[in-house]
Structures are given as structure tokens and as C-alpha cells.
Amino acid sequence: MLGRLLLSLSGIAQILGPFIADFNETHVKNPRWPPHARFHNGQTMSLGLSLGLATLYFTLRHASSTPASVDIAREKDSLMTAAVFGSLYWLTGLSAVLYPGSLAVDPEFGEGFPQFWLFVGLAVASLGGWGLENVRLNRSLRKRI
């Protein structure tokens, strides 16, 4: 169940993280931000919420089922879908610095890419959780044969 825990961690972080990090004076409440920048920040926060909810749904929808009551292939497909949803926000966050003129932090608030290891860690948690659950399900399948 460590795999599901890691996938859930990624989903919860996607739901809460954008609101914790962005609903403050550096982003949404920044008086220097034009309305269109706020629009896209709102879009990103809502994307995190949506991806996080989808991650949790696909991670947990078969969690209480016994292997005999749910087709393992369907459960594996759900977990792969959870891993995709669970990693997209973090991977796109890593790619954002590649756009011309993009910075991970506005100069008045610091420098560098402070989110880098958090984004990498949560993407790895999501994909690693999927891998761990696949190992567990494969063992369960071998026991049934």
C-alpha cells in the first residue's frame, strides 16, 4: 500500500500546493500582476485541483476491493491513469522554466528554482507509487495462479 500512499501524496499536494504557494502577495494578490497573468495563475491552480482529484479517484477506486473481485488488469490501468494525472502537474512545472523570459521566482522574491526538488520528488512519488503497486498486483496475481 506504500504505492497508493505515494500516489495519494502527489494528488493531495496537487490540490493544496498551488493554493498554498500562489494565493499570496507573490502571485494572485501581487498588485503588479496584470489581470491576464492572474487569469492564467487561476487556470493553473484549478488545473492542480482537477489533476489532484483525478489522481485520488483513480488511486483509490479499487483500494478496498479484494483482488478476486476486481480484474487486476483494470486495477493496473486505474493506477497507471493515476500516475499520469499525478505526475503531469509536476512535470509541466519543471518545463515552465524553458519558456523565453520565464523565471521560477520573481526577482524581488528571490532567485533560482526553489520548487525544483519538490516538483521532482512529487513526480517520482507518483511514478514510483505506480511502480510499487504494479509489483504488489503482480505478486497477487502469481499467488492466484
C-alpha atoms as a PDB file:
ATOM      1  CA  MET A   1       0.000   0.000   0.000  1.00  0.00           C
ATOM      2  CA  LEU A   2       3.053   2.281   0.033  1.00  0.00           C
ATOM      3  CA  GLY A   3       2.472   2.809  -3.694  1.00  0.00           C
ATOM      4  CA  ARG A   4      -1.062   4.087  -3.138  1.00  0.00           C
ATOM      5  CA  LEU A   5       0.199   6.299  -0.327  1.00  0.00           C
ATOM      6  CA  LEU A   6       2.788   7.886  -2.663  1.00  0.00           C
ATOM      7  CA  LEU A   7       0.180   8.395  -5.394  1.00  0.00           C
ATOM      8  CA  SER A   8      -2.188   9.945  -2.834  1.00  0.00           C
ATOM      9  CA  LEU A   9       0.584  12.227  -1.578  1.00  0.00           C
ATOM     10  CA  SER A  10       1.070  13.536  -5.109  1.00  0.00           C
ATOM     11  CA  GLY A  11      -2.692  14.061  -5.541  1.00  0.00           C
ATOM     12  CA  ILE A  12      -3.113  15.912  -2.236  1.00  0.00           C
ATOM     13  CA  ALA A  13      -0.080  18.080  -2.969  1.00  0.00           C
ATOM     14  CA  GLN A  14      -1.576  18.987  -6.355  1.00  0.00           C
ATOM     15  CA  ILE A  15      -4.849  20.004  -4.705  1.00  0.00           C
ATOM     16  CA  LEU A  16      -3.335  22.086  -1.907  1.00  0.00           C
ATOM     17  CA  GLY A  17       0.086  23.137  -3.206  1.00  0.00           C
ATOM     18  CA  PRO A  18      -0.927  25.674  -5.867  1.00  0.00           C
ATOM     19  CA  PHE A  19      -3.266  27.449  -3.448  1.00  0.00           C
ATOM     20  CA  ILE A  20      -0.661  27.499  -0.664  1.00  0.00           C
ATOM     21  CA  ALA A  21       2.120  28.697  -2.982  1.00  0.00           C
ATOM     22  CA  ASP A  22       0.151  31.092  -5.207  1.00  0.00           C
ATOM     23  CA  PHE A  23      -2.698  32.682  -3.229  1.00  0.00           C
ATOM     24  CA  ASN A  24      -0.480  35.373  -1.716  1.00  0.00           C
ATOM     25  CA  GLU A  25       1.401  38.598  -2.497  1.00  0.00           C
ATOM     26  CA  THR A  26       3.846  36.866  -4.874  1.00  0.00           C
ATOM     27  CA  HIS A  27       1.105  35.727  -7.257  1.00  0.00           C
ATOM     28  CA  VAL A  28      -2.673  36.257  -7.065  1.00  0.00           C
ATOM     29  CA  LYS A  29      -2.501  39.226  -4.675  1.00  0.00           C
ATOM     30  CA  ASN A  30       0.520  40.829  -6.377  1.00  0.00           C
ATOM     31  CA  PRO A  31      -0.642  44.377  -7.324  1.00  0.00           C
ATOM     32  CA  ARG A  32       1.874  44.489 -10.193  1.00  0.00           C
ATOM     33  CA  TRP A  33       0.332  41.500 -11.945  1.00  0.00           C
ATOM     34  CA  PRO A  34      -1.914  42.307 -14.906  1.00  0.00           C
ATOM     35  CA  PRO A  35      -5.364  40.674 -14.983  1.00  0.00           C
ATOM     36  CA  HIS A  36      -4.342  38.221 -17.715  1.00  0.00           C
ATOM     37  CA  ALA A  37      -1.460  36.898 -15.575  1.00  0.00           C
ATOM     38  CA  ARG A  38      -3.954  36.351 -12.741  1.00  0.00           C
ATOM     39  CA  PHE A  39      -6.243  34.542 -15.196  1.00  0.00           C
ATOM     40  CA  HIS A  40      -3.501  32.080 -16.117  1.00  0.00           C
ATOM     41  CA  ASN A  41      -2.483  31.635 -12.486  1.00  0.00           C
ATOM     42  CA  GLY A  42      -6.103  30.837 -11.645  1.00  0.00           C
ATOM     43  CA  GLN A  43      -6.154  28.382 -14.528  1.00  0.00           C
ATOM     44  CA  THR A  44      -3.027  26.689 -13.169  1.00  0.00           C
ATOM     45  CA  MET A  45      -4.431  26.477  -9.630  1.00  0.00           C
ATOM     46  CA  SER A  46      -7.661  24.950 -10.949  1.00  0.00           C
ATOM     47  CA  LEU A  47      -5.625  22.531 -13.076  1.00  0.00           C
ATOM     48  CA  GLY A  48      -3.774  21.362  -9.956  1.00  0.00           C
ATOM     49  CA  LEU A  49      -7.080  20.878  -8.142  1.00  0.00           C
ATOM     50  CA  SER A  50      -8.565  18.899 -11.051  1.00  0.00           C
ATOM     51  CA  LEU A  51      -5.497  16.717 -11.597  1.00  0.00           C
ATOM     52  CA  GLY A  52      -5.240  16.052  -7.858  1.00  0.00           C
ATOM     53  CA  LEU A  53      -8.860  14.940  -7.618  1.00  0.00           C
ATOM     54  CA  ALA A  54      -8.451  12.688 -10.668  1.00  0.00           C
ATOM     55  CA  THR A  55      -5.268  11.226  -9.165  1.00  0.00           C
ATOM     56  CA  LEU A  56      -7.056  10.398  -5.911  1.00  0.00           C
ATOM     57  CA  TYR A  57     -10.070   8.941  -7.729  1.00  0.00           C
ATOM     58  CA  PHE A  58      -8.007   6.565  -9.874  1.00  0.00           C
ATOM     59  CA  THR A  59      -5.690   5.696  -6.973  1.00  0.00           C
ATOM     60  CA  LEU A  60      -8.440   4.819  -4.527  1.00  0.00           C
ATOM     61  CA  ARG A  61     -11.317   3.476  -6.599  1.00  0.00           C
ATOM     62  CA  HIS A  62     -10.191  -0.161  -6.272  1.00  0.00           C
ATOM     63  CA  ALA A  63      -8.299   0.190  -2.975  1.00  0.00           C
ATOM     64  CA  SER A  64     -10.886  -1.566  -0.819  1.00  0.00           C
ATOM     65  CA  SER A  65     -11.574  -4.347  -3.321  1.00  0.00           C
ATOM     66  CA  THR A  66     -10.115  -7.789  -2.972  1.00  0.00           C
ATOM     67  CA  PRO A  67      -8.014  -8.981  -5.918  1.00  0.00           C
ATOM     68  CA  ALA A  68     -10.653 -11.599  -6.706  1.00  0.00           C
ATOM     69  CA  SER A  69     -13.433  -9.013  -7.002  1.00  0.00           C
ATOM     70  CA  VAL A  70     -11.655  -6.633  -9.368  1.00  0.00           C
ATOM     71  CA  ASP A  71      -9.890  -7.597 -12.538  1.00  0.00           C
ATOM     72  CA  ILE A  72      -6.205  -6.906 -11.902  1.00  0.00           C
ATOM     73  CA  ALA A  73      -5.734  -5.532 -15.421  1.00  0.00           C
ATOM     74  CA  ARG A  74      -8.440  -2.933 -14.724  1.00  0.00           C
ATOM     75  CA  GLU A  75      -6.863  -2.039 -11.396  1.00  0.00           C
ATOM     76  CA  LYS A  76      -3.438  -1.682 -13.029  1.00  0.00           C
ATOM     77  CA  ASP A  77      -4.963   0.560 -15.700  1.00  0.00           C
ATOM     78  CA  SER A  78      -6.537   2.748 -12.995  1.00  0.00           C
ATOM     79  CA  LEU A  79      -3.196   3.061 -11.224  1.00  0.00           C
ATOM     80  CA  MET A  80      -1.398   3.948 -14.453  1.00  0.00           C
ATOM     81  CA  THR A  81      -4.028   6.628 -15.090  1.00  0.00           C
ATOM     82  CA  ALA A  82      -3.495   7.909 -11.543  1.00  0.00           C
ATOM     83  CA  ALA A  83       0.266   8.056 -12.165  1.00  0.00           C
ATOM     84  CA  VAL A  84      -0.245  10.071 -15.357  1.00  0.00           C
ATOM     85  CA  PHE A  85      -2.585  12.529 -13.631  1.00  0.00           C
ATOM     86  CA  GLY A  86      -0.365  12.505 -10.565  1.00  0.00           C
ATOM     87  CA  SER A  87       2.785  13.480 -12.443  1.00  0.00           C
ATOM     88  CA  LEU A  88       1.533  15.924 -15.116  1.00  0.00           C
ATOM     89  CA  TYR A  89       1.356  18.986 -12.867  1.00  0.00           C
ATOM     90  CA  TRP A  90       4.889  18.416 -11.559  1.00  0.00           C
ATOM     91  CA  LEU A  91       6.419  17.654 -14.963  1.00  0.00           C
ATOM     92  CA  THR A  92       4.810  20.704 -16.587  1.00  0.00           C
ATOM     93  CA  GLY A  93       6.054  22.784 -13.654  1.00  0.00           C
ATOM     94  CA  LEU A  94       9.572  21.603 -14.397  1.00  0.00           C
ATOM     95  CA  SER A  95       9.175  22.520 -18.074  1.00  0.00           C
ATOM     96  CA  ALA A  96       7.902  26.054 -17.362  1.00  0.00           C
ATOM     97  CA  VAL A  97      11.419  27.479 -16.958  1.00  0.00           C
ATOM     98  CA  LEU A  98      12.185  26.534 -20.569  1.00  0.00           C
ATOM     99  CA  TYR A  99       9.929  29.276 -21.967  1.00  0.00           C
ATOM    100  CA  PRO A 100      11.623  32.528 -23.059  1.00  0.00           C
ATOM    101  CA  GLY A 101      11.724  35.131 -20.302  1.00  0.00           C
ATOM    102  CA  SER A 102      10.424  32.690 -17.683  1.00  0.00           C
ATOM    103  CA  LEU A 103      11.757  32.643 -14.137  1.00  0.00           C
ATOM    104  CA  ALA A 104      10.743  30.293 -11.337  1.00  0.00           C
ATOM    105  CA  VAL A 105      10.686  33.251  -8.890  1.00  0.00           C
ATOM    106  CA  ASP A 106      10.167  36.974  -9.480  1.00  0.00           C
ATOM    107  CA  PRO A 107      13.463  38.764  -8.703  1.00  0.00           C
ATOM    108  CA  GLU A 108      12.052  40.701  -5.733  1.00  0.00           C
ATOM    109  CA  PHE A 109      11.167  37.400  -4.026  1.00  0.00           C
ATOM    110  CA  GLY A 110      14.420  35.500  -4.608  1.00  0.00           C
ATOM    111  CA  GLU A 111      16.254  33.640  -7.318  1.00  0.00           C
ATOM    112  CA  GLY A 112      16.857  30.163  -8.651  1.00  0.00           C
ATOM    113  CA  PHE A 113      14.290  27.382  -8.912  1.00  0.00           C
ATOM    114  CA  PRO A 114      13.260  26.635  -5.306  1.00  0.00           C
ATOM    115  CA  GLN A 115      10.420  24.346  -6.423  1.00  0.00           C
ATOM    116  CA  PHE A 116      12.741  22.091  -8.441  1.00  0.00           C
ATOM    117  CA  TRP A 117      13.300  19.318  -5.900  1.00  0.00           C
ATOM    118  CA  LEU A 118       9.706  19.425  -4.677  1.00  0.00           C
ATOM    119  CA  PHE A 119       8.444  19.006  -8.266  1.00  0.00           C
ATOM    120  CA  VAL A 120      10.952  16.221  -8.984  1.00  0.00           C
ATOM    121  CA  GLY A 121      10.164  14.476  -5.701  1.00  0.00           C
ATOM    122  CA  LEU A 122       6.406  14.513  -6.210  1.00  0.00           C
ATOM    123  CA  ALA A 123       6.700  13.349  -9.835  1.00  0.00           C
ATOM    124  CA  VAL A 124       8.934  10.490  -8.633  1.00  0.00           C
ATOM    125  CA  ALA A 125       6.457   9.730  -5.819  1.00  0.00           C
ATOM    126  CA  SER A 126       3.637   9.437  -8.316  1.00  0.00           C
ATOM    127  CA  LEU A 127       5.514   7.309 -10.834  1.00  0.00           C
ATOM    128  CA  GLY A 128       7.250   5.300  -8.096  1.00  0.00           C
ATOM    129  CA  GLY A 129       3.935   4.669  -6.363  1.00  0.00           C
ATOM    130  CA  TRP A 130       2.558   3.295  -9.607  1.00  0.00           C
ATOM    131  CA  GLY A 131       5.577   1.014  -9.941  1.00  0.00           C
ATOM    132  CA  LEU A 132       5.246  -0.279  -6.371  1.00  0.00           C
ATOM    133  CA  GLU A 133       1.545  -1.007  -6.833  1.00  0.00           C
ATOM    134  CA  ASN A 134       2.284  -2.881 -10.053  1.00  0.00           C
ATOM    135  CA  VAL A 135       4.801  -5.072  -8.215  1.00  0.00           C
ATOM    136  CA  ARG A 136       2.218  -5.751  -5.487  1.00  0.00           C
ATOM    137  CA  LEU A 137      -0.511  -6.593  -8.002  1.00  0.00           C
ATOM    138  CA  ASN A 138       1.820  -8.878  -9.981  1.00  0.00           C
ATOM    139  CA  ARG A 139       2.638 -10.776  -6.769  1.00  0.00           C
ATOM    140  CA  SER A 140      -1.063 -11.071  -6.010  1.00  0.00           C
ATOM    141  CA  LEU A 141      -1.689 -12.388  -9.496  1.00  0.00           C
ATOM    142  CA  ARG A 142       1.097 -15.008  -9.178  1.00  0.00           C
ATOM    143  CA  LYS A 143      -0.421 -16.218  -5.873  1.00  0.00           C
ATOM    144  CA  ARG A 144      -3.762 -16.772  -7.598  1.00  0.00           C
ATOM    145  CA  ILE A 145      -2.241 -18.901 -10.364  1.00  0.00           C
END
